[in-house]
C-alpha atoms as a PDB file:
ATOM      1  CA  MET A   1     -76.651-165.722  84.303  1.00  0.00           C
ATOM      2  CA  SER A   2     -75.475-162.024  83.696  1.00  0.00           C
ATOM      3  CA  THR A   3     -77.675-159.900  81.311  1.00  0.00           C
ATOM      4  CA  LYS A   4     -74.660-159.601  78.956  1.00  0.00           C
ATOM      5  CA  LEU A   5     -74.297-163.444  78.702  1.00  0.00           C
ATOM      6  CA  CYS A   6     -78.096-163.799  78.018  1.00  0.00           C
ATOM      7  CA  LEU A   7     -77.699-161.274  75.200  1.00  0.00           C
ATOM      8  CA  VAL A   8     -75.215-163.228  73.529  1.00  0.00           C
ATOM      9  CA  LEU A   9     -77.323-166.148  72.956  1.00  0.00           C
ATOM     10  CA  PHE A  10     -80.254-164.983  70.848  1.00  0.00           C
ATOM     11  CA  SER A  11     -78.228-164.022  67.769  1.00  0.00           C
ATOM     12  CA  LEU A  12     -77.506-165.011  64.364  1.00  0.00           C
ATOM     13  CA  PRO A  13     -73.923-166.446  64.312  1.00  0.00           C
ATOM     14  CA  CYS A  14     -71.567-165.357  61.517  1.00  0.00           C
ATOM     15  CA  PHE A  15     -71.648-167.509  58.299  1.00  0.00           C
ATOM     16  CA  PHE A  16     -68.629-169.873  58.393  1.00  0.00           C
ATOM     17  CA  VAL A  17     -67.921-172.734  55.769  1.00  0.00           C
ATOM     18  CA  ALA A  18     -65.373-175.237  56.995  1.00  0.00           C
ATOM     19  CA  PRO A  19     -62.934-176.601  54.262  1.00  0.00           C
ATOM     20  CA  ALA A  20     -64.572-178.960  52.164  1.00  0.00           C
ATOM     21  CA  THR A  21     -68.443-179.469  52.082  1.00  0.00           C
ATOM     22  CA  ALA A  22     -69.761-179.027  55.420  1.00  0.00           C
ATOM     23  CA  PHE A  23     -71.251-175.993  57.624  1.00  0.00           C
ATOM     24  CA  SER A  24     -69.948-175.278  60.874  1.00  0.00           C
ATOM     25  CA  TRP A  25     -70.774-172.577  63.172  1.00  0.00           C
ATOM     26  CA  PRO A  26     -68.583-171.059  66.143  1.00  0.00           C
ATOM     27  CA  SER A  27     -68.714-173.814  69.087  1.00  0.00           C
ATOM     28  CA  SER A  28     -70.091-170.827  71.538  1.00  0.00           C
ATOM     29  CA  HIS A  29     -73.509-170.925  69.378  1.00  0.00           C
ATOM     30  CA  ASN A  30     -73.658-174.334  68.235  1.00  0.00           C
ATOM     31  CA  TYR A  31     -76.321-173.791  65.543  1.00  0.00           C
ATOM     32  CA  PRO A  32     -76.927-176.592  63.223  1.00  0.00           C
ATOM     33  CA  PHE A  33     -77.031-176.353  59.649  1.00  0.00           C
ATOM     34  CA  ARG A  34     -80.213-177.468  57.997  1.00  0.00           C
ATOM     35  CA  SER A  35     -80.743-178.772  54.491  1.00  0.00           C
ATOM     36  CA  ASP A  36     -84.187-177.981  52.991  1.00  0.00           C
ATOM     37  CA  SER A  37     -84.486-181.727  52.375  1.00  0.00           C
ATOM     38  CA  ILE A  38     -83.903-182.595  55.836  1.00  0.00           C
ATOM     39  CA  ALA A  39     -87.174-184.447  57.478  1.00  0.00           C
ATOM     40  CA  ALA A  40     -88.302-185.186  60.949  1.00  0.00           C
ATOM     41  CA  SER A  41     -87.983-188.880  60.217  1.00  0.00           C
ATOM     42  CA  SER A  42     -84.330-188.847  59.344  1.00  0.00           C
ATOM     43  CA  GLU A  43     -83.145-185.954  61.779  1.00  0.00           C
ATOM     44  CA  PRO A  44     -85.680-184.812  64.170  1.00  0.00           C
ATOM     45  CA  VAL A  45     -86.040-181.160  65.221  1.00  0.00           C
ATOM     46  CA  ASP A  46     -88.367-180.469  67.986  1.00  0.00           C
ATOM     47  CA  VAL A  47     -89.430-177.035  67.564  1.00  0.00           C
ATOM     48  CA  SER A  48     -91.854-176.552  70.397  1.00  0.00           C
ATOM     49  CA  TYR A  49     -94.075-174.064  72.063  1.00  0.00           C
ATOM     50  CA  HIS A  50     -93.032-172.938  75.767  1.00  0.00           C
ATOM     51  CA  MET A  51     -96.389-171.080  76.359  1.00  0.00           C
ATOM     52  CA  GLY A  52     -95.117-167.365  75.869  1.00  0.00           C
ATOM     53  CA  PRO A  53     -96.475-164.780  73.824  1.00  0.00           C
ATOM     54  CA  VAL A  54     -95.899-164.240  70.178  1.00  0.00           C
ATOM     55  CA  VAL A  55     -96.424-160.832  67.920  1.00  0.00           C
ATOM     56  CA  ALA A  56     -99.957-161.515  67.334  1.00  0.00           C
ATOM     57  CA  SER A  57    -101.289-157.872  66.881  1.00  0.00           C
ATOM     58  CA  PRO A  58    -100.499-155.505  63.994  1.00  0.00           C
ATOM     59  CA  ALA A  59     -96.963-154.476  64.605  1.00  0.00           C
ATOM     60  CA  ASN A  60     -95.437-150.809  64.484  1.00  0.00           C
ATOM     61  CA  ILE A  61     -91.744-151.331  63.203  1.00  0.00           C
ATOM     62  CA  TYR A  62     -89.621-148.278  64.517  1.00  0.00           C
ATOM     63  CA  VAL A  63     -86.225-148.020  62.735  1.00  0.00           C
ATOM     64  CA  ILE A  64     -83.158-146.445  64.573  1.00  0.00           C
ATOM     65  CA  TRP A  65     -80.490-145.510  61.753  1.00  0.00           C
ATOM     66  CA  TYR A  66     -77.477-145.313  64.030  1.00  0.00           C
ATOM     67  CA  GLY A  67     -74.529-143.675  62.479  1.00  0.00           C
ATOM     68  CA  ARG A  68     -74.089-142.136  59.055  1.00  0.00           C
ATOM     69  CA  TRP A  69     -76.191-143.504  56.545  1.00  0.00           C
ATOM     70  CA  ALA A  70     -76.346-142.997  52.715  1.00  0.00           C
ATOM     71  CA  ALA A  71     -79.738-142.744  51.243  1.00  0.00           C
ATOM     72  CA  ALA A  72     -79.742-145.986  48.873  1.00  0.00           C
ATOM     73  CA  PRO A  73     -78.767-148.703  51.358  1.00  0.00           C
ATOM     74  CA  GLN A  74     -81.752-147.271  53.402  1.00  0.00           C
ATOM     75  CA  SER A  75     -84.032-147.234  50.418  1.00  0.00           C
ATOM     76  CA  ILE A  76     -83.156-151.016  50.182  1.00  0.00           C
ATOM     77  CA  ILE A  77     -83.951-151.871  53.522  1.00  0.00           C
ATOM     78  CA  ARG A  78     -87.041-149.659  53.812  1.00  0.00           C
ATOM     79  CA  ASP A  79     -88.338-151.503  50.599  1.00  0.00           C
ATOM     80  CA  PHE A  80     -88.071-154.793  52.216  1.00  0.00           C
ATOM     81  CA  LEU A  81     -89.834-153.607  55.534  1.00  0.00           C
ATOM     82  CA  LEU A  82     -92.451-152.330  53.234  1.00  0.00           C
ATOM     83  CA  SER A  83     -93.060-155.689  51.761  1.00  0.00           C
ATOM     84  CA  LEU A  84     -93.622-157.784  54.678  1.00  0.00           C
ATOM     85  CA  SER A  85     -97.513-157.065  54.558  1.00  0.00           C
ATOM     86  CA  SER A  86     -99.613-157.430  51.507  1.00  0.00           C
ATOM     87  CA  PRO A  87     -98.873-154.414  49.654  1.00  0.00           C
ATOM     88  CA  ALA A  88    -100.734-152.695  46.985  1.00  0.00           C
ATOM     89  CA  PRO A  89    -100.095-153.395  44.025  1.00  0.00           C
ATOM     90  CA  LEU A  90     -99.023-157.069  44.843  1.00  0.00           C
ATOM     91  CA  PRO A  91     -95.290-157.918  43.725  1.00  0.00           C
ATOM     92  CA  PRO A  92     -95.452-161.006  41.753  1.00  0.00           C
ATOM     93  CA  PRO A  93     -94.621-164.441  43.161  1.00  0.00           C
ATOM     94  CA  PRO A  94     -92.765-165.481  45.157  1.00  0.00           C
ATOM     95  CA  SER A  95     -93.136-162.499  47.303  1.00  0.00           C
ATOM     96  CA  VAL A  96     -91.855-160.999  50.943  1.00  0.00           C
ATOM     97  CA  ASP A  97     -95.251-161.459  52.328  1.00  0.00           C
ATOM     98  CA  GLU A  98     -95.563-165.033  50.754  1.00  0.00           C
ATOM     99  CA  TRP A  99     -91.969-165.886  52.627  1.00  0.00           C
ATOM    100  CA  TRP A 100     -93.551-164.367  56.056  1.00  0.00           C
ATOM    101  CA  ARG A 101     -96.614-166.848  55.688  1.00  0.00           C
ATOM    102  CA  THR A 102     -94.372-169.545  57.142  1.00  0.00           C
ATOM    103  CA  ALA A 103     -93.645-167.266  60.420  1.00  0.00           C
ATOM    104  CA  ARG A 104     -97.529-166.966  60.471  1.00  0.00           C
ATOM    105  CA  LEU A 105     -98.190-170.642  61.164  1.00  0.00           C
ATOM    106  CA  TYR A 106     -96.943-170.219  64.504  1.00  0.00           C
ATOM    107  CA  VAL A 107     -99.552-169.593  67.460  1.00  0.00           C
ATOM    108  CA  ASP A 108     -99.787-168.428  70.796  1.00  0.00           C
ATOM    109  CA  GLN A 109    -101.827-170.419  73.586  1.00  0.00           C
ATOM    110  CA  THR A 110    -105.102-168.577  72.583  1.00  0.00           C
ATOM    111  CA  GLY A 111    -104.786-170.105  68.939  1.00  0.00           C
ATOM    112  CA  SER A 112    -103.668-166.347  67.607  1.00  0.00           C
ATOM    113  CA  ASN A 113    -101.310-166.644  64.773  1.00  0.00           C
ATOM    114  CA  VAL A 114     -98.294-164.401  64.321  1.00  0.00           C
ATOM    115  CA  THR A 115     -99.177-161.098  62.719  1.00  0.00           C
ATOM    116  CA  GLY A 116     -99.172-160.562  58.911  1.00  0.00           C
ATOM    117  CA  SER A 117     -99.696-156.848  59.340  1.00  0.00           C
ATOM    118  CA  PHE A 118     -96.803-154.446  59.753  1.00  0.00           C
ATOM    119  CA  ALA A 119     -96.387-150.785  59.640  1.00  0.00           C
ATOM    120  CA  LEU A 120     -93.204-149.030  59.233  1.00  0.00           C
ATOM    121  CA  ALA A 121     -94.574-146.466  61.839  1.00  0.00           C
ATOM    122  CA  GLY A 122     -91.315-144.459  62.497  1.00  0.00           C
ATOM    123  CA  GLU A 123     -87.718-143.870  61.695  1.00  0.00           C
ATOM    124  CA  LEU A 124     -84.999-141.699  63.666  1.00  0.00           C
ATOM    125  CA  HIS A 125     -81.612-140.794  62.515  1.00  0.00           C
ATOM    126  CA  ASP A 126     -78.947-140.799  64.962  1.00  0.00           C
ATOM    127  CA  SER A 127     -76.090-139.613  62.604  1.00  0.00           C
ATOM    128  CA  GLY A 128     -74.444-137.969  65.910  1.00  0.00           C
ATOM    129  CA  TYR A 129     -73.457-141.516  67.262  1.00  0.00           C
ATOM    130  CA  SER A 130     -75.295-140.675  70.665  1.00  0.00           C
ATOM    131  CA  HIS A 131     -73.467-143.557  72.373  1.00  0.00           C
ATOM    132  CA  GLY A 132     -69.966-143.584  70.180  1.00  0.00           C
ATOM    133  CA  ALA A 133     -68.863-145.506  67.400  1.00  0.00           C
ATOM    134  CA  SER A 134     -68.033-148.676  69.226  1.00  0.00           C
ATOM    135  CA  LEU A 135     -71.185-150.312  70.966  1.00  0.00           C
ATOM    136  CA  SER A 136     -71.645-153.276  73.416  1.00  0.00           C
ATOM    137  CA  ARG A 137     -74.355-155.368  72.903  1.00  0.00           C
ATOM    138  CA  LEU A 138     -76.176-154.012  75.951  1.00  0.00           C
ATOM    139  CA  ALA A 139     -75.750-150.411  74.716  1.00  0.00           C
ATOM    140  CA  MET A 140     -78.317-151.200  72.108  1.00  0.00           C
ATOM    141  CA  GLN A 141     -81.008-150.702  74.836  1.00  0.00           C
ATOM    142  CA  SER A 142     -79.410-147.271  75.742  1.00  0.00           C
ATOM    143  CA  VAL A 143     -79.568-146.444  72.025  1.00  0.00           C
ATOM    144  CA  ILE A 144     -83.292-147.362  72.096  1.00  0.00           C
ATOM    145  CA  ARG A 145     -84.024-145.232  75.460  1.00  0.00           C
ATOM    146  CA  SER A 146     -82.332-142.184  73.701  1.00  0.00           C
ATOM    147  CA  ALA A 147     -84.323-142.373  70.691  1.00  0.00           C
ATOM    148  CA  VAL A 148     -87.839-142.661  72.531  1.00  0.00           C
ATOM    149  CA  ALA A 149     -86.536-139.642  74.682  1.00  0.00           C
ATOM    150  CA  ALA A 150     -85.101-137.419  71.809  1.00  0.00           C
ATOM    151  CA  THR A 151     -86.786-134.240  70.648  1.00  0.00           C
ATOM    152  CA  ASP A 152     -87.671-135.851  67.395  1.00  0.00           C
ATOM    153  CA  ARG A 153     -88.133-138.867  69.210  1.00  0.00           C
ATOM    154  CA  LEU A 154     -89.778-142.516  68.396  1.00  0.00           C
ATOM    155  CA  PRO A 155     -92.868-143.225  70.275  1.00  0.00           C
ATOM    156  CA  MET A 156     -92.514-145.662  73.393  1.00  0.00           C
ATOM    157  CA  ASP A 157     -94.815-148.313  72.098  1.00  0.00           C
ATOM    158  CA  PRO A 158     -94.912-151.371  74.449  1.00  0.00           C
ATOM    159  CA  ARG A 159     -98.181-152.654  72.981  1.00  0.00           C
ATOM    160  CA  ASP A 160     -97.511-153.175  69.422  1.00  0.00           C
ATOM    161  CA  GLY A 161     -93.804-151.671  69.023  1.00  0.00           C
ATOM    162  CA  ILE A 162     -90.806-153.679  67.503  1.00  0.00           C
ATOM    163  CA  TYR A 163     -87.471-151.789  67.427  1.00  0.00           C
ATOM    164  CA  LEU A 164     -84.952-152.298  65.017  1.00  0.00           C
ATOM    165  CA  VAL A 165     -81.417-150.640  65.607  1.00  0.00           C
ATOM    166  CA  LEU A 166     -79.386-150.743  62.345  1.00  0.00           C
ATOM    167  CA  THR A 167     -75.799-149.607  62.767  1.00  0.00           C
ATOM    168  CA  SER A 168     -73.938-148.019  59.624  1.00  0.00           C
ATOM    169  CA  PRO A 169     -70.704-149.635  58.474  1.00  0.00           C
ATOM    170  CA  ASP A 170     -68.335-147.511  60.200  1.00  0.00           C
ATOM    171  CA  VAL A 171     -69.919-148.574  63.557  1.00  0.00           C
ATOM    172  CA  GLU A 172     -68.196-151.367  65.643  1.00  0.00           C
ATOM    173  CA  VAL A 173     -70.273-153.470  67.815  1.00  0.00           C
ATOM    174  CA  GLU A 174     -69.325-156.191  70.418  1.00  0.00           C
ATOM    175  CA  ASP A 175     -68.636-159.599  68.603  1.00  0.00           C
ATOM    176  CA  PHE A 176     -69.891-158.423  65.133  1.00  0.00           C
ATOM    177  CA  CYS A 177     -67.832-160.286  62.466  1.00  0.00           C
ATOM    178  CA  ARG A 178     -66.444-162.461  64.887  1.00  0.00           C
ATOM    179  CA  GLU A 179     -69.496-164.401  66.602  1.00  0.00           C
ATOM    180  CA  VAL A 180     -72.578-162.542  65.475  1.00  0.00           C
ATOM    181  CA  CYS A 181     -74.276-160.689  62.610  1.00  0.00           C
ATOM    182  CA  GLY A 182     -77.276-159.629  64.542  1.00  0.00           C
ATOM    183  CA  PHE A 183     -79.278-160.378  67.619  1.00  0.00           C
ATOM    184  CA  HIS A 184     -82.975-159.934  69.201  1.00  0.00           C
ATOM    185  CA  TYR A 185     -83.846-159.479  72.650  1.00  0.00           C
ATOM    186  CA  PHE A 186     -86.313-157.338  74.750  1.00  0.00           C
ATOM    187  CA  THR A 187     -85.759-154.110  76.546  1.00  0.00           C
ATOM    188  CA  PHE A 188     -85.293-154.046  80.391  1.00  0.00           C
ATOM    189  CA  PRO A 189     -87.443-151.671  82.297  1.00  0.00           C
ATOM    190  CA  ALA A 190     -84.411-150.581  84.488  1.00  0.00           C
ATOM    191  CA  ILE A 191     -82.672-149.131  81.300  1.00  0.00           C
ATOM    192  CA  VAL A 192     -85.767-147.951  78.781  1.00  0.00           C
ATOM    193  CA  GLY A 193     -88.715-148.070  81.213  1.00  0.00           C
ATOM    194  CA  VAL A 194     -90.902-150.787  79.711  1.00  0.00           C
ATOM    195  CA  THR A 195     -90.255-154.332  78.068  1.00  0.00           C
ATOM    196  CA  MET A 196     -90.561-154.013  74.097  1.00  0.00           C
ATOM    197  CA  PRO A 197     -88.972-156.801  71.467  1.00  0.00           C
ATOM    198  CA  TYR A 198     -86.172-155.289  69.709  1.00  0.00           C
ATOM    199  CA  ALA A 199     -83.414-156.422  67.270  1.00  0.00           C
ATOM    200  CA  TRP A 200     -79.736-155.216  66.259  1.00  0.00           C
ATOM    201  CA  VAL A 201     -78.004-155.841  62.917  1.00  0.00           C
ATOM    202  CA  GLY A 202     -75.011-154.362  61.472  1.00  0.00           C
ATOM    203  CA  HIS A 203     -74.042-153.327  57.876  1.00  0.00           C
ATOM    204  CA  SER A 204     -71.080-155.719  57.173  1.00  0.00           C
ATOM    205  CA  GLY A 205     -70.181-154.179  53.844  1.00  0.00           C
ATOM    206  CA  THR A 206     -66.759-152.983  54.945  1.00  0.00           C
ATOM    207  CA  GLN A 207     -66.182-154.802  57.943  1.00  0.00           C
ATOM    208  CA  CYS A 208     -66.873-158.576  57.172  1.00  0.00           C
ATOM    209  CA  PRO A 209     -69.041-159.032  54.211  1.00  0.00           C
ATOM    210  CA  GLY A 210     -67.575-162.782  53.847  1.00  0.00           C
ATOM    211  CA  MET A 211     -69.121-163.539  57.258  1.00  0.00           C
ATOM    212  CA  CYS A 212     -72.262-161.595  57.602  1.00  0.00           C
ATOM    213  CA  ALA A 213     -73.487-161.143  53.722  1.00  0.00           C
ATOM    214  CA  PHE A 214     -73.350-164.678  52.608  1.00  0.00           C
ATOM    215  CA  PRO A 215     -73.795-165.489  49.772  1.00  0.00           C
ATOM    216  CA  PHE A 216     -72.853-162.252  48.254  1.00  0.00           C
ATOM    217  CA  ALA A 217     -69.464-162.808  49.632  1.00  0.00           C
ATOM    218  CA  LEU A 218     -67.272-165.607  51.194  1.00  0.00           C
ATOM    219  CA  PRO A 219     -64.817-165.637  53.877  1.00  0.00           C
ATOM    220  CA  SER A 220     -61.308-164.439  52.862  1.00  0.00           C
ATOM    221  CA  TYR A 221     -59.806-167.676  53.227  1.00  0.00           C
ATOM    222  CA  MET A 222     -62.172-169.507  50.510  1.00  0.00           C
ATOM    223  CA  VAL A 223     -61.634-166.698  47.938  1.00  0.00           C
ATOM    224  CA  GLY A 224     -59.763-167.871  44.755  1.00  0.00           C
ATOM    225  CA  GLY A 225     -60.231-171.428  45.876  1.00  0.00           C
ATOM    226  CA  GLY A 226     -57.703-171.086  48.595  1.00  0.00           C
ATOM    227  CA  GLY A 227     -58.553-174.040  51.399  1.00  0.00           C
ATOM    228  CA  GLY A 228     -62.241-174.300  50.427  1.00  0.00           C
ATOM    229  CA  GLY A 229     -61.677-176.743  47.708  1.00  0.00           C
ATOM    230  CA  GLY A 230     -63.275-176.628  44.397  1.00  0.00           C
ATOM    231  CA  ASN A 231     -64.501-173.404  42.472  1.00  0.00           C
ATOM    232  CA  SER A 232     -65.431-170.974  45.444  1.00  0.00           C
ATOM    233  CA  SER A 233     -66.649-168.487  42.951  1.00  0.00           C
ATOM    234  CA  ALA A 234     -69.536-170.901  42.084  1.00  0.00           C
ATOM    235  CA  LEU A 235     -70.333-170.400  45.809  1.00  0.00           C
ATOM    236  CA  VAL A 236     -71.107-166.434  45.131  1.00  0.00           C
ATOM    237  CA  VAL A 237     -74.116-164.584  43.765  1.00  0.00           C
ATOM    238  CA  GLY A 238     -74.462-160.959  42.997  1.00  0.00           C
ATOM    239  CA  PRO A 239     -76.399-158.881  45.334  1.00  0.00           C
ATOM    240  CA  PRO A 240     -80.088-158.219  43.935  1.00  0.00           C
ATOM    241  CA  ASN A 241     -79.831-154.589  44.588  1.00  0.00           C
ATOM    242  CA  GLY A 242     -76.249-154.130  43.718  1.00  0.00           C
ATOM    243  CA  ASP A 243     -75.125-153.491  47.579  1.00  0.00           C
ATOM    244  CA  VAL A 244     -73.447-156.307  49.234  1.00  0.00           C
ATOM    245  CA  GLY A 245     -73.748-154.905  52.617  1.00  0.00           C
ATOM    246  CA  ALA A 246     -77.428-153.725  52.591  1.00  0.00           C
ATOM    247  CA  ASP A 247     -78.505-156.757  50.509  1.00  0.00           C
ATOM    248  CA  GLY A 248     -76.855-159.007  53.182  1.00  0.00           C
ATOM    249  CA  MET A 249     -78.418-156.744  55.955  1.00  0.00           C
ATOM    250  CA  VAL A 250     -81.913-157.667  54.554  1.00  0.00           C
ATOM    251  CA  SER A 251     -81.545-161.351  55.124  1.00  0.00           C
ATOM    252  CA  VAL A 252     -80.311-160.992  58.692  1.00  0.00           C
ATOM    253  CA  ILE A 253     -83.283-158.310  59.323  1.00  0.00           C
ATOM    254  CA  ALA A 254     -85.409-160.964  57.951  1.00  0.00           C
ATOM    255  CA  HIS A 255     -84.161-163.712  60.328  1.00  0.00           C
ATOM    256  CA  GLU A 256     -84.151-161.407  63.682  1.00  0.00           C
ATOM    257  CA  LEU A 257     -87.878-160.196  62.688  1.00  0.00           C
ATOM    258  CA  ALA A 258     -88.980-163.942  62.238  1.00  0.00           C
ATOM    259  CA  GLU A 259     -87.327-164.933  65.395  1.00  0.00           C
ATOM    260  CA  MET A 260     -88.613-161.761  67.372  1.00  0.00           C
ATOM    261  CA  ALA A 261     -92.407-162.411  66.162  1.00  0.00           C
ATOM    262  CA  THR A 262     -92.318-165.980  67.161  1.00  0.00           C
ATOM    263  CA  ASN A 263     -90.293-165.728  70.322  1.00  0.00           C
ATOM    264  CA  PRO A 264     -90.283-162.183  71.418  1.00  0.00           C
ATOM    265  CA  LEU A 265     -89.661-162.914  74.933  1.00  0.00           C
ATOM    266  CA  ILE A 266     -87.486-166.060  74.672  1.00  0.00           C
ATOM    267  CA  ASN A 267     -90.240-167.928  76.003  1.00  0.00           C
ATOM    268  CA  ALA A 268     -92.133-169.191  72.898  1.00  0.00           C
ATOM    269  CA  TRP A 269     -91.276-171.098  70.133  1.00  0.00           C
ATOM    270  CA  TYR A 270     -87.621-172.566  69.867  1.00  0.00           C
ATOM    271  CA  ALA A 271     -86.206-175.979  69.672  1.00  0.00           C
ATOM    272  CA  GLY A 272     -84.261-177.344  72.909  1.00  0.00           C
ATOM    273  CA  ASP A 273     -85.154-177.407  76.472  1.00  0.00           C
ATOM    274  CA  ASP A 274     -82.907-174.769  77.539  1.00  0.00           C
ATOM    275  CA  PRO A 275     -84.260-170.990  77.095  1.00  0.00           C
ATOM    276  CA  ALA A 276     -80.681-169.927  77.516  1.00  0.00           C
ATOM    277  CA  ALA A 277     -79.788-171.534  74.297  1.00  0.00           C
ATOM    278  CA  PRO A 278     -82.909-171.854  72.030  1.00  0.00           C
ATOM    279  CA  ALA A 279     -82.624-172.922  68.342  1.00  0.00           C
ATOM    280  CA  GLU A 280     -85.174-170.830  66.923  1.00  0.00           C
ATOM    281  CA  ILE A 281     -87.081-170.833  63.752  1.00  0.00           C
ATOM    282  CA  ALA A 282     -84.640-169.023  61.473  1.00  0.00           C
ATOM    283  CA  ASP A 283     -81.478-170.408  63.316  1.00  0.00           C
ATOM    284  CA  LEU A 284     -82.577-173.820  61.864  1.00  0.00           C
ATOM    285  CA  CYS A 285     -82.219-172.578  58.217  1.00  0.00           C
ATOM    286  CA  VAL A 286     -79.182-170.456  58.039  1.00  0.00           C
ATOM    287  CA  GLY A 287     -77.691-170.713  54.804  1.00  0.00           C
ATOM    288  CA  VAL A 288     -80.652-172.090  53.205  1.00  0.00           C
ATOM    289  CA  PHE A 289     -81.996-170.037  50.180  1.00  0.00           C
ATOM    290  CA  GLY A 290     -83.444-172.473  47.718  1.00  0.00           C
ATOM    291  CA  THR A 291     -83.905-176.060  47.269  1.00  0.00           C
ATOM    292  CA  GLY A 292     -80.819-178.178  47.040  1.00  0.00           C
ATOM    293  CA  SER A 293     -78.807-175.965  49.423  1.00  0.00           C
ATOM    294  CA  GLY A 294     -75.998-177.456  51.221  1.00  0.00           C
ATOM    295  CA  GLY A 295     -72.031-177.481  51.459  1.00  0.00           C
ATOM    296  CA  GLY A 296     -71.729-173.713  50.924  1.00  0.00           C
ATOM    297  CA  PHE A 297     -74.374-173.721  48.100  1.00  0.00           C
ATOM    298  CA  ALA A 298     -77.157-171.165  49.108  1.00  0.00           C
ATOM    299  CA  GLY A 299     -79.623-173.480  46.958  1.00  0.00           C
ATOM    300  CA  HIS A 300     -81.458-172.815  43.561  1.00  0.00           C
ATOM    301  CA  VAL A 301     -82.540-169.482  43.335  1.00  0.00           C
ATOM    302  CA  PHE A 302     -83.529-166.949  40.582  1.00  0.00           C
ATOM    303  CA  ARG A 303     -80.734-165.016  38.379  1.00  0.00           C
ATOM    304  CA  SER A 304     -80.988-161.736  36.678  1.00  0.00           C
ATOM    305  CA  ALA A 305     -79.465-161.165  33.437  1.00  0.00           C
ATOM    306  CA  GLU A 306     -76.568-159.570  35.308  1.00  0.00           C
ATOM    307  CA  GLY A 307     -75.866-162.598  37.605  1.00  0.00           C
ATOM    308  CA  ALA A 308     -77.710-161.091  40.570  1.00  0.00           C
ATOM    309  CA  GLY A 309     -79.176-163.758  42.694  1.00  0.00           C
ATOM    310  CA  TYR A 310     -82.724-163.346  44.436  1.00  0.00           C
ATOM    311  CA  ASN A 311     -85.629-165.584  45.643  1.00  0.00           C
ATOM    312  CA  LEU A 312     -88.213-162.936  46.496  1.00  0.00           C
ATOM    313  CA  ASN A 313     -90.077-159.978  44.941  1.00  0.00           C
ATOM    314  CA  GLY A 314     -91.063-156.925  46.689  1.00  0.00           C
ATOM    315  CA  VAL A 315     -92.370-153.576  46.671  1.00  0.00           C
ATOM    316  CA  ASN A 316     -91.303-150.907  43.951  1.00  0.00           C
ATOM    317  CA  GLY A 317     -89.692-153.668  41.766  1.00  0.00           C
ATOM    318  CA  ARG A 318     -87.203-154.645  44.185  1.00  0.00           C
ATOM    319  CA  LYS A 319     -85.993-158.109  44.538  1.00  0.00           C
ATOM    320  CA  PHE A 320     -84.125-159.752  47.758  1.00  0.00           C
ATOM    321  CA  MET A 321     -82.472-162.796  48.731  1.00  0.00           C
ATOM    322  CA  VAL A 322     -83.643-163.965  52.066  1.00  0.00           C
ATOM    323  CA  GLN A 323     -83.069-167.230  54.030  1.00  0.00           C
ATOM    324  CA  TRP A 324     -85.918-169.880  54.579  1.00  0.00           C
ATOM    325  CA  LEU A 325     -87.762-170.354  57.771  1.00  0.00           C
ATOM    326  CA  TRP A 326     -88.595-173.628  59.763  1.00  0.00           C
ATOM    327  CA  ASP A 327     -92.183-174.631  58.815  1.00  0.00           C
ATOM    328  CA  PRO A 328     -94.092-176.216  61.556  1.00  0.00           C
ATOM    329  CA  ILE A 329     -96.058-178.353  59.435  1.00  0.00           C
ATOM    330  CA  LYS A 330     -93.537-179.718  56.828  1.00  0.00           C
ATOM    331  CA  LYS A 331     -90.880-180.281  59.756  1.00  0.00           C
ATOM    332  CA  SER A 332     -88.308-178.764  57.265  1.00  0.00           C
ATOM    333  CA  CYS A 333     -87.006-175.372  56.122  1.00  0.00           C
ATOM    334  CA  PHE A 334     -89.116-174.003  53.674  1.00  0.00           C
ATOM    335  CA  GLY A 335     -89.488-170.831  51.242  1.00  0.00           C
ATOM    336  CA  PRO A 336     -92.088-169.684  48.530  1.00  0.00           C
ATOM    337  CA  ASN A 337     -89.220-170.205  45.871  1.00  0.00           C
ATOM    338  CA  ALA A 338     -89.132-173.898  46.768  1.00  0.00           C
ATOM    339  CA  MET A 339     -88.878-176.177  43.652  1.00  0.00           C
ATOM    340  CA  THR A 340     -91.255-178.952  44.967  1.00  0.00           C
END
């Protein structure tokens, strides 16, 4: 299997709602939609351990802001990352660090749990588009290589580092908006020099908010009730920080971080027998944000007076809307805002 094909497979597919009431995904990904009410007895999901490592040590997050970024969306994303560990003072529940506790239930073969300690250890601004404004998936590794080799470089941290490549609204990425909203993998020594887990997520605000920023936007064919049936506007919630693109990115970043922590080398926790096409702990819960989710309804979440939706609290008074994760004990999708 080619490197390019491998990179295609460990990704968050674009949100797609089939006309009427069912979720559907592009056939090349075949990720199932899971309601929070699905139990193992009615529709078994075997998320099993394949003996590989998890991210168990305290992790250093390194962010590469690729392209031209405004300060406001960066601040939203940065506050989410700072909310992952137990910050002081603690935000009111349900909080981001409480959400991460589901990921912490996963262990490696030594019995060590996924870490609950994160540091935002470095940021690099690649506003010069060092590899152009149109990137292939594999090019993300070259972006990382340039970032650790730059004058104001990020450190190369193969022991504790996880790297996030976040592309600005004007950057086009292979298959972005058509098949994927983000992906995670690990770097190749032939390109970067060492093996390190990383993820890419794109800003969909101008390119495809209806595909990658659900539930803050819907696909164009559903707007105004066209083809979607019923009142499609009832499926949309306002973004908690007033930025469809950045708020949408937060949930995709959360998705990829959870999978990167539990399956960093694509040989740890996932469902299925084929490591080339794993269903990981966030894939099983795409579109699930609260109790009662299904059919394009994100679930019961909190609403601000202005109509913005959120299900988690973070640092600096921030509120976020983040998808749930597969709980290996409950055998279902779960989040700290669950009603039961």
